[in-house]
Amino acid sequence: MHMYARLANPLELDNFFLFGARGVGKTTLLSTFFKEKKVLRVDLLLAEEEERFSGHPDQLKELIAADSAIEWVVIDEIQKIPKLLDIVHSIIETKENKVKFALTGSSAKKLKRGSANLLAGRALINNLFPLTFLEMGEAFDLEAALSFGLLPKIVNTENSLHKSEILKSYTQAYLKEEVWAEQMVKNLAPFRKFLEVAAQMNTEIINYSKIARTIGVATHTVQGYFQILEDTLLAHILEPFNTSVRKRLISAPKFYFFDIGVKRALDRTINQTVVAGTYEYGRAFEHFIITQLIALNSYYRSDFRFGYLKTKDGLEIDLIIERPGQSLVLLEIKSSINVDKSDLLGLRSVVKDFPGAVFLCACQDKLARRMENIYILPWKKAIEKIFNNGELG
């Protein structure tokens, strides 16, 4: 199994959370991160350890006290026992104790409800995502990424059928472990239907009432379902860009599943080939670019804000990126090799409305071009231009 060097780099100077969906590699990252340290590890995915600390959370203090050489305590999937956070909090507040904590989680929902309130700011927040093209380097394969996603286990599996079966099992495990076991929904049947419909509408503007009619539940229930996806880190919600440039803006958010492979397993298209030039291929490419940008924004601590623009008269910009201290970026994402003027109608129509902004089209053309005020760039070059105005660190 190939181990990829991850771009996520938590600061060792302080306690920290590492949040990420199941299977993104949190445990592997921390094993590498602390390989030179004396670590006490608690894995709450193990039934024995969950039972032990659920009934006797104070035993954590006793284990730490028993070994003065311990430098770090790693607790995997801390959301399974939120009350352990109170114990961690009290240990951190004990000034003579030098031990630090690294806490992983695949759901912040239960932690948000807890009295410890994410340790009241006494632990830094880090996020981990599926692999990026930068982390994979020369091993990256765009077609494989658009078909099966970039979860580490999937990337390290060669057989396509095997990949499909792993992804199907992943979605079933999510229903059982994340949603049902944590009692996030009272009735699993409509939620299961919702996941399939939501996957079909991935990359599109959310129509809550339409989804509610399709699966036979109330609109507010669907809104709650989307909140669950966001809370369990399985979806990114993209809010509409707030501007007075165009009247009568579409105000509902768009959403993207955190991984293309998981999305395709949920809508049962995982065994179908993603064919270049098709509508679905274009959607998958857009999905890929946006999730890559979200991950890199987190890893580089860039503090970019992402949105989209669409008016009721049909104007649409895939992504608007607000960069602190830098120019606004308006990005159009096209999977085609030869982009022409007709592909850039949205960008061309708003150039005068955003003076000083950078207008980009990320595509699969191998040559960088400039048409009017719009840069048409190979997608990797477009990402480079977005971050640090052309340099990736």
Protein backbone atom coordinates (compact mmCIF):
# COMPACT_ATOMS: atom_id res chain seq x y z
CA MET A 1 0.00 0.00 0.00
CA HIS A 2 1.48 3.32 -1.10
CA MET A 3 1.78 5.99 1.58
CA TYR A 4 1.33 9.51 0.26
CA ALA A 5 2.83 12.50 2.07
CA ARG A 6 -0.16 14.58 3.09
CA LEU A 7 -0.35 18.36 2.84
CA ALA A 8 -2.30 18.62 6.09
CA ASN A 9 0.21 19.78 8.69
CA PRO A 10 -1.20 20.29 12.20
CA LEU A 11 0.92 22.49 14.44
CA GLU A 12 2.72 20.50 17.15
CA LEU A 13 2.75 23.62 19.31
CA ASP A 14 -0.74 23.02 20.62
CA ASN A 15 -3.53 20.50 21.16
CA PHE A 16 -5.54 19.94 18.00
CA PHE A 17 -8.57 18.34 16.41
CA LEU A 18 -8.25 16.53 13.09
CA PHE A 19 -11.66 16.29 11.45
CA GLY A 20 -12.44 14.33 8.31
CA ALA A 21 -14.87 11.77 6.91
CA ARG A 22 -14.21 8.10 7.51
CA GLY A 23 -11.48 6.70 5.31
CA VAL A 24 -9.62 9.90 4.44
CA GLY A 25 -6.53 8.75 6.35
CA LYS A 26 -6.67 10.50 9.75
CA THR A 27 -5.15 7.61 11.70
CA THR A 28 -2.44 7.03 9.10
CA LEU A 29 -1.52 10.71 9.09
CA LEU A 30 -1.18 10.86 12.86
CA SER A 31 0.84 7.63 12.96
CA THR A 32 3.34 9.31 10.66
CA PHE A 33 3.09 12.64 12.44
CA PHE A 34 3.95 11.17 15.85
CA LYS A 35 6.36 8.39 14.84
CA GLU A 36 9.16 9.95 16.92
CA LYS A 37 6.94 10.71 19.93
CA LYS A 38 5.79 8.76 22.96
CA VAL A 39 2.07 8.40 22.31
CA LEU A 40 -0.90 7.01 24.23
CA ARG A 41 -3.51 6.06 21.64
CA VAL A 42 -7.19 5.47 22.32
CA ASP A 43 -9.24 4.10 19.40
CA LEU A 44 -12.94 4.51 20.08
CA LEU A 45 -13.82 2.52 16.95
CA LEU A 46 -12.74 -0.55 18.94
CA ALA A 47 -15.75 -1.81 20.89
CA GLU A 48 -13.61 -2.71 23.91
CA GLU A 49 -12.14 0.78 24.21
CA GLU A 50 -15.44 2.51 23.57
CA GLU A 51 -17.04 0.46 26.33
CA ARG A 52 -14.17 1.12 28.74
CA PHE A 53 -14.11 4.90 28.37
CA SER A 54 -17.86 5.28 28.01
CA GLY A 55 -18.35 3.76 31.43
CA HIS A 56 -15.20 5.12 33.05
CA PRO A 57 -13.93 8.26 31.28
CA ASP A 58 -11.72 9.11 34.29
CA GLN A 59 -9.51 6.15 33.38
CA LEU A 60 -7.91 8.43 30.78
CA LYS A 61 -6.36 10.46 33.61
CA GLU A 62 -5.14 7.28 35.27
CA LEU A 63 -3.47 5.99 32.09
CA ILE A 64 -1.66 9.29 31.59
CA ALA A 65 -0.57 9.44 35.21
CA ALA A 66 0.87 5.92 34.96
CA ASP A 67 3.51 6.92 32.39
CA SER A 68 5.32 10.25 32.74
CA ALA A 69 7.03 9.74 29.35
CA ILE A 70 3.78 10.21 27.42
CA GLU A 71 4.06 13.31 25.21
CA TRP A 72 0.84 13.07 23.19
CA VAL A 73 -2.54 11.42 23.67
CA VAL A 74 -4.30 10.51 20.41
CA ILE A 75 -8.02 9.77 20.68
CA ASP A 76 -9.59 8.47 17.47
CA GLU A 77 -13.26 9.29 16.71
CA ILE A 78 -13.77 11.41 19.82
CA GLN A 79 -17.41 12.13 18.84
CA LYS A 80 -18.35 8.60 19.97
CA ILE A 81 -17.86 9.67 23.62
CA PRO A 82 -18.28 13.46 23.82
CA LYS A 83 -18.01 13.43 27.62
CA LEU A 84 -14.36 12.43 27.21
CA LEU A 85 -13.84 16.00 26.06
CA ASP A 86 -14.61 17.20 29.59
CA ILE A 87 -11.82 14.97 30.91
CA VAL A 88 -9.44 16.19 28.21
CA HIS A 89 -10.39 19.77 29.01
CA SER A 90 -9.65 19.31 32.72
CA ILE A 91 -6.26 17.71 31.96
CA ILE A 92 -5.32 20.60 29.67
CA GLU A 93 -6.28 23.06 32.40
CA THR A 94 -3.90 21.32 34.83
CA LYS A 95 -0.85 23.44 34.20
CA GLU A 96 1.72 21.00 35.61
CA ASN A 97 0.66 18.40 33.04
CA LYS A 98 2.70 18.77 29.84
CA VAL A 99 0.87 16.15 27.77
CA LYS A 100 -0.87 17.35 24.61
CA PHE A 101 -3.87 15.95 22.76
CA ALA A 102 -4.63 15.11 19.13
CA LEU A 103 -8.32 14.28 18.70
CA THR A 104 -9.78 12.90 15.49
CA GLY A 105 -13.42 12.89 14.50
CA SER A 106 -15.66 12.19 11.56
CA SER A 107 -18.58 14.16 12.94
CA ALA A 108 -18.59 17.44 14.80
CA LYS A 109 -22.37 17.22 15.37
CA LYS A 110 -22.27 15.50 18.76
CA LEU A 111 -19.27 17.55 19.84
CA LYS A 112 -21.15 20.77 19.13
CA ARG A 113 -23.85 19.63 21.53
CA GLY A 114 -21.32 18.82 24.27
CA SER A 115 -20.64 21.09 27.23
CA ALA A 116 -16.92 21.09 26.43
CA ASN A 117 -17.70 23.04 23.23
CA LEU A 118 -14.64 21.87 21.29
CA LEU A 119 -12.45 22.53 24.36
CA ALA A 120 -13.40 26.21 24.40
CA GLY A 121 -10.77 27.13 21.85
CA ARG A 122 -7.95 25.27 23.59
CA ALA A 123 -7.36 23.01 20.58
CA LEU A 124 -6.65 24.06 17.02
CA ILE A 125 -8.96 22.84 14.24
CA ASN A 126 -7.53 20.91 11.26
CA ASN A 127 -9.35 19.13 8.44
CA LEU A 128 -8.34 16.19 6.29
CA PHE A 129 -9.85 15.40 2.90
CA PRO A 130 -9.45 12.67 0.27
CA LEU A 131 -6.15 12.81 -1.60
CA THR A 132 -5.28 15.78 -3.80
CA PHE A 133 -3.50 15.64 -7.15
CA LEU A 134 -0.52 17.39 -5.53
CA GLU A 135 -0.16 14.72 -2.84
CA MET A 136 -0.27 11.95 -5.44
CA GLY A 137 2.21 13.60 -7.80
CA GLU A 138 2.99 11.51 -10.89
CA ALA A 139 0.72 8.72 -9.65
CA PHE A 140 -2.35 10.92 -10.13
CA ASP A 141 -4.78 9.73 -12.81
CA LEU A 142 -7.60 12.13 -13.64
CA GLU A 143 -9.83 9.54 -15.30
CA ALA A 144 -9.52 7.22 -12.28
CA ALA A 145 -10.27 10.15 -9.95
CA LEU A 146 -13.43 11.07 -11.91
CA SER A 147 -14.60 7.45 -11.83
CA PHE A 148 -13.74 6.26 -8.33
CA GLY A 149 -12.72 9.29 -6.29
CA LEU A 150 -9.63 9.77 -4.18
CA LEU A 151 -10.06 7.99 -0.86
CA PRO A 152 -6.63 6.49 -0.01
CA LYS A 153 -7.93 2.91 0.10
CA ILE A 154 -9.53 3.33 -3.34
CA VAL A 155 -6.39 4.87 -4.84
CA ASN A 156 -4.37 1.90 -3.53
CA THR A 157 -6.78 -0.64 -5.05
CA GLU A 158 -6.07 -1.64 -8.65
CA ASN A 159 -9.11 -3.68 -9.67
CA SER A 160 -12.10 -1.55 -10.77
CA LEU A 161 -14.72 -4.02 -9.54
CA HIS A 162 -12.95 -4.19 -6.19
CA LYS A 163 -13.02 -0.38 -6.00
CA SER A 164 -16.76 -0.38 -6.71
CA GLU A 165 -17.47 -2.92 -3.98
CA ILE A 166 -15.38 -1.01 -1.43
CA LEU A 167 -17.30 2.19 -2.20
CA LYS A 168 -20.67 0.42 -1.90
CA SER A 169 -19.62 -0.98 1.47
CA TYR A 170 -18.43 2.46 2.53
CA THR A 171 -21.86 4.00 1.93
CA GLN A 172 -23.56 1.19 3.85
CA ALA A 173 -21.15 1.56 6.75
CA TYR A 174 -21.86 5.29 6.81
CA LEU A 175 -25.60 4.65 7.17
CA LYS A 176 -25.04 2.16 9.95
CA GLU A 177 -22.24 3.75 11.93
CA GLU A 178 -22.57 7.48 11.41
CA VAL A 179 -26.31 8.03 11.05
CA TRP A 180 -28.23 5.17 12.59
CA ALA A 181 -25.91 4.35 15.49
CA GLU A 182 -25.62 8.02 16.43
CA GLN A 183 -29.42 8.38 16.23
CA MET A 184 -29.22 11.31 13.81
CA VAL A 185 -32.45 10.26 12.10
CA LYS A 186 -35.50 8.49 13.51
CA ASN A 187 -36.38 6.69 10.29
CA LEU A 188 -33.57 5.42 8.11
CA ALA A 189 -35.68 4.49 5.04
CA PRO A 190 -36.39 8.04 3.76
CA PHE A 191 -32.83 9.09 4.55
CA ARG A 192 -31.52 6.24 2.41
CA LYS A 193 -33.72 7.47 -0.47
CA PHE A 194 -32.53 10.99 0.17
CA LEU A 195 -28.88 10.01 -0.22
CA GLU A 196 -29.52 8.56 -3.68
CA VAL A 197 -31.52 11.59 -4.84
CA ALA A 198 -28.98 14.00 -3.36
CA ALA A 199 -26.18 12.18 -5.18
CA GLN A 200 -28.09 12.57 -8.44
CA MET A 201 -28.33 16.32 -7.80
CA ASN A 202 -24.68 16.69 -6.82
CA THR A 203 -23.13 19.97 -8.18
CA GLU A 204 -26.62 21.45 -8.67
CA ILE A 205 -28.54 24.12 -6.78
CA ILE A 206 -30.47 22.48 -3.94
CA ASN A 207 -34.24 22.33 -4.48
CA TYR A 208 -35.41 21.30 -1.02
CA SER A 209 -39.12 21.07 -1.85
CA LYS A 210 -38.53 18.98 -4.98
CA ILE A 211 -36.39 16.48 -3.06
CA ALA A 212 -38.99 16.40 -0.28
CA ARG A 213 -41.74 15.49 -2.78
CA THR A 214 -39.57 12.82 -4.37
CA ILE A 215 -38.84 10.99 -1.12
CA GLY A 216 -42.12 11.76 0.64
CA VAL A 217 -41.03 13.87 3.62
CA ALA A 218 -41.41 17.48 4.74
CA THR A 219 -39.15 20.19 3.32
CA HIS A 220 -37.65 20.95 6.74
CA THR A 221 -36.74 17.26 7.04
CA VAL A 222 -34.72 17.47 3.83
CA GLN A 223 -33.00 20.60 5.13
CA GLY A 224 -32.09 18.60 8.23
CA TYR A 225 -30.74 15.78 6.07
CA PHE A 226 -28.41 18.16 4.26
CA GLN A 227 -27.27 19.45 7.64
CA ILE A 228 -26.40 15.86 8.61
CA LEU A 229 -24.29 15.49 5.45
CA GLU A 230 -22.43 18.67 6.32
CA ASP A 231 -22.04 17.74 9.99
CA THR A 232 -20.62 14.33 9.13
CA LEU A 233 -18.22 15.99 6.68
CA LEU A 234 -19.66 14.16 3.68
CA ALA A 235 -20.70 17.29 1.80
CA HIS A 236 -19.53 20.81 1.05
CA ILE A 237 -22.23 23.48 0.89
CA LEU A 238 -21.51 26.29 -1.56
CA GLU A 239 -23.44 29.47 -0.77
CA PRO A 240 -24.49 31.95 -3.49
CA PHE A 241 -22.16 34.92 -3.83
CA ASN A 242 -23.61 38.01 -2.19
CA THR A 243 -23.48 40.87 -4.66
CA SER A 244 -25.65 43.64 -6.01
CA VAL A 245 -24.23 43.19 -9.51
CA ARG A 246 -27.25 41.22 -10.70
CA LYS A 247 -30.83 41.58 -9.51
CA ARG A 248 -33.01 38.61 -8.62
CA LEU A 249 -30.16 36.27 -7.76
CA ILE A 250 -30.75 32.60 -7.12
CA SER A 251 -30.37 32.33 -3.33
CA ALA A 252 -30.33 28.57 -2.62
CA PRO A 253 -26.96 26.88 -2.03
CA LYS A 254 -25.25 24.25 -4.16
CA PHE A 255 -23.64 21.19 -2.67
CA TYR A 256 -20.90 18.74 -3.49
CA PHE A 257 -20.25 15.36 -1.91
CA PHE A 258 -16.77 15.23 -0.40
CA ASP A 259 -15.69 12.49 -2.82
CA ILE A 260 -16.75 11.61 -6.37
CA GLY A 261 -16.49 7.86 -5.79
CA VAL A 262 -18.81 7.99 -2.77
CA LYS A 263 -21.25 10.11 -4.77
CA ARG A 264 -21.26 7.57 -7.63
CA ALA A 265 -21.76 4.68 -5.23
CA LEU A 266 -24.74 6.46 -3.66
CA ASP A 267 -26.51 7.14 -6.97
CA ARG A 268 -25.61 3.65 -8.24
CA THR A 269 -23.60 4.81 -11.26
CA ILE A 270 -20.30 3.48 -9.91
CA ASN A 271 -20.15 0.63 -12.45
CA GLN A 272 -20.81 2.96 -15.40
CA THR A 273 -17.90 4.42 -17.35
CA VAL A 274 -17.46 8.18 -17.14
CA VAL A 275 -17.16 9.11 -20.82
CA ALA A 276 -15.26 12.25 -21.87
CA GLY A 277 -17.43 14.78 -23.69
CA THR A 278 -20.65 13.83 -21.89
CA TYR A 279 -22.66 15.98 -19.50
CA GLU A 280 -21.86 13.65 -16.60
CA TYR A 281 -18.14 13.89 -17.35
CA GLY A 282 -18.39 17.68 -17.19
CA ARG A 283 -20.18 17.53 -13.85
CA ALA A 284 -17.58 15.11 -12.47
CA PHE A 285 -14.77 17.41 -13.61
CA GLU A 286 -16.42 20.42 -11.94
CA HIS A 287 -16.89 18.35 -8.78
CA PHE A 288 -13.22 17.34 -8.84
CA ILE A 289 -11.87 20.88 -9.30
CA ILE A 290 -14.05 22.40 -6.57
CA THR A 291 -13.29 19.72 -3.98
CA GLN A 292 -9.56 20.05 -4.75
CA LEU A 293 -9.74 23.80 -4.19
CA ILE A 294 -11.61 23.34 -0.90
CA ALA A 295 -8.97 20.89 0.36
CA LEU A 296 -6.01 23.03 -0.70
CA ASN A 297 -7.59 26.13 0.83
CA SER A 298 -7.71 24.29 4.15
CA TYR A 299 -4.18 22.86 3.92
CA TYR A 300 -2.59 26.18 2.94
CA ARG A 301 -4.65 28.05 5.56
CA SER A 302 -5.55 30.53 2.84
CA ASP A 303 -8.91 31.56 4.35
CA PHE A 304 -10.51 31.84 0.92
CA ARG A 305 -14.28 32.03 0.77
CA PHE A 306 -16.07 30.15 -2.01
CA GLY A 307 -19.40 30.94 -3.60
CA TYR A 308 -21.20 30.72 -6.93
CA LEU A 309 -23.26 33.11 -9.00
CA LYS A 310 -26.45 32.37 -10.89
CA THR A 311 -29.29 34.68 -11.87
CA LYS A 312 -32.83 33.76 -12.82
CA ASP A 313 -32.10 34.83 -16.38
CA GLY A 314 -29.58 32.01 -16.69
CA LEU A 315 -26.21 33.65 -16.04
CA GLU A 316 -23.93 31.28 -14.11
CA ILE A 317 -20.37 31.40 -12.78
CA ASP A 318 -19.18 28.08 -11.32
CA LEU A 319 -17.04 29.53 -8.55
CA ILE A 320 -16.31 32.93 -7.08
CA ILE A 321 -13.32 33.00 -4.76
CA GLU A 322 -12.80 35.78 -2.25
CA ARG A 323 -9.09 35.90 -1.36
CA PRO A 324 -8.07 38.12 1.59
CA GLY A 325 -5.68 40.82 0.38
CA GLN A 326 -5.84 39.59 -3.23
CA SER A 327 -8.06 40.02 -6.26
CA LEU A 328 -11.43 38.33 -6.49
CA VAL A 329 -11.37 35.26 -8.76
CA LEU A 330 -14.25 34.29 -11.03
CA LEU A 331 -13.75 30.73 -12.23
CA GLU A 332 -15.48 28.78 -14.97
CA ILE A 333 -14.75 25.05 -15.10
CA LYS A 334 -14.84 23.28 -18.47
CA SER A 335 -13.84 19.67 -19.07
CA SER A 336 -13.27 20.25 -22.78
CA ILE A 337 -9.88 20.43 -24.50
CA ASN A 338 -10.78 23.27 -26.90
CA VAL A 339 -12.57 26.11 -25.13
CA ASP A 340 -14.12 28.80 -27.33
CA LYS A 341 -16.10 32.00 -26.79
CA SER A 342 -19.40 30.17 -26.45
CA ASP A 343 -18.03 28.38 -23.37
CA LEU A 344 -17.27 31.69 -21.69
CA LEU A 345 -20.57 33.55 -22.01
CA GLY A 346 -21.00 33.80 -18.25
CA LEU A 347 -17.56 35.24 -17.57
CA ARG A 348 -17.63 37.55 -20.59
CA SER A 349 -20.96 39.04 -19.50
CA VAL A 350 -19.69 40.09 -16.04
CA VAL A 351 -16.17 41.33 -16.82
CA LYS A 352 -17.26 44.96 -16.56
CA ASP A 353 -19.16 44.31 -13.31
CA PHE A 354 -16.06 43.10 -11.42
CA PRO A 355 -13.27 45.60 -12.04
CA GLY A 356 -9.90 44.30 -10.84
CA ALA A 357 -11.05 40.69 -10.63
CA VAL A 358 -9.19 37.74 -12.16
CA PHE A 359 -11.23 35.80 -14.72
CA LEU A 360 -10.19 32.18 -15.22
CA CYS A 361 -11.34 29.16 -17.15
CA ALA A 362 -9.89 25.88 -15.85
CA CYS A 363 -9.98 23.27 -18.60
CA GLN A 364 -8.09 20.37 -20.17
CA ASP A 365 -6.43 22.44 -22.88
CA LYS A 366 -2.67 21.84 -22.71
CA LEU A 367 -1.80 25.44 -23.65
CA ALA A 368 -2.41 28.60 -21.66
CA ARG A 369 -4.27 31.31 -23.58
CA ARG A 370 -5.90 34.65 -22.97
CA MET A 371 -9.18 35.61 -24.62
CA GLU A 372 -10.20 39.22 -23.99
CA ASN A 373 -9.74 39.50 -20.19
CA ILE A 374 -10.13 35.79 -19.49
CA TYR A 375 -7.25 33.40 -18.85
CA ILE A 376 -7.91 29.95 -20.37
CA LEU A 377 -5.57 27.65 -18.48
CA PRO A 378 -4.83 23.94 -18.06
CA TRP A 379 -6.59 23.09 -14.80
CA LYS A 380 -3.38 22.59 -12.82
CA LYS A 381 -2.12 26.00 -13.94
CA ALA A 382 -5.46 27.56 -13.01
CA ILE A 383 -5.16 26.19 -9.48
CA GLU A 384 -1.61 27.52 -9.27
CA LYS A 385 -2.83 30.97 -10.30
CA ILE A 386 -5.58 30.92 -7.68
CA PHE A 387 -3.19 30.12 -4.84
CA ASN A 388 -0.50 32.71 -4.18
CA ASN A 389 -1.00 34.22 -7.65
CA GLY A 390 0.80 31.42 -9.42
CA GLU A 391 2.97 29.62 -6.88
CA LEU A 392 2.08 26.50 -4.98
CA GLY A 393 3.94 25.99 -1.70
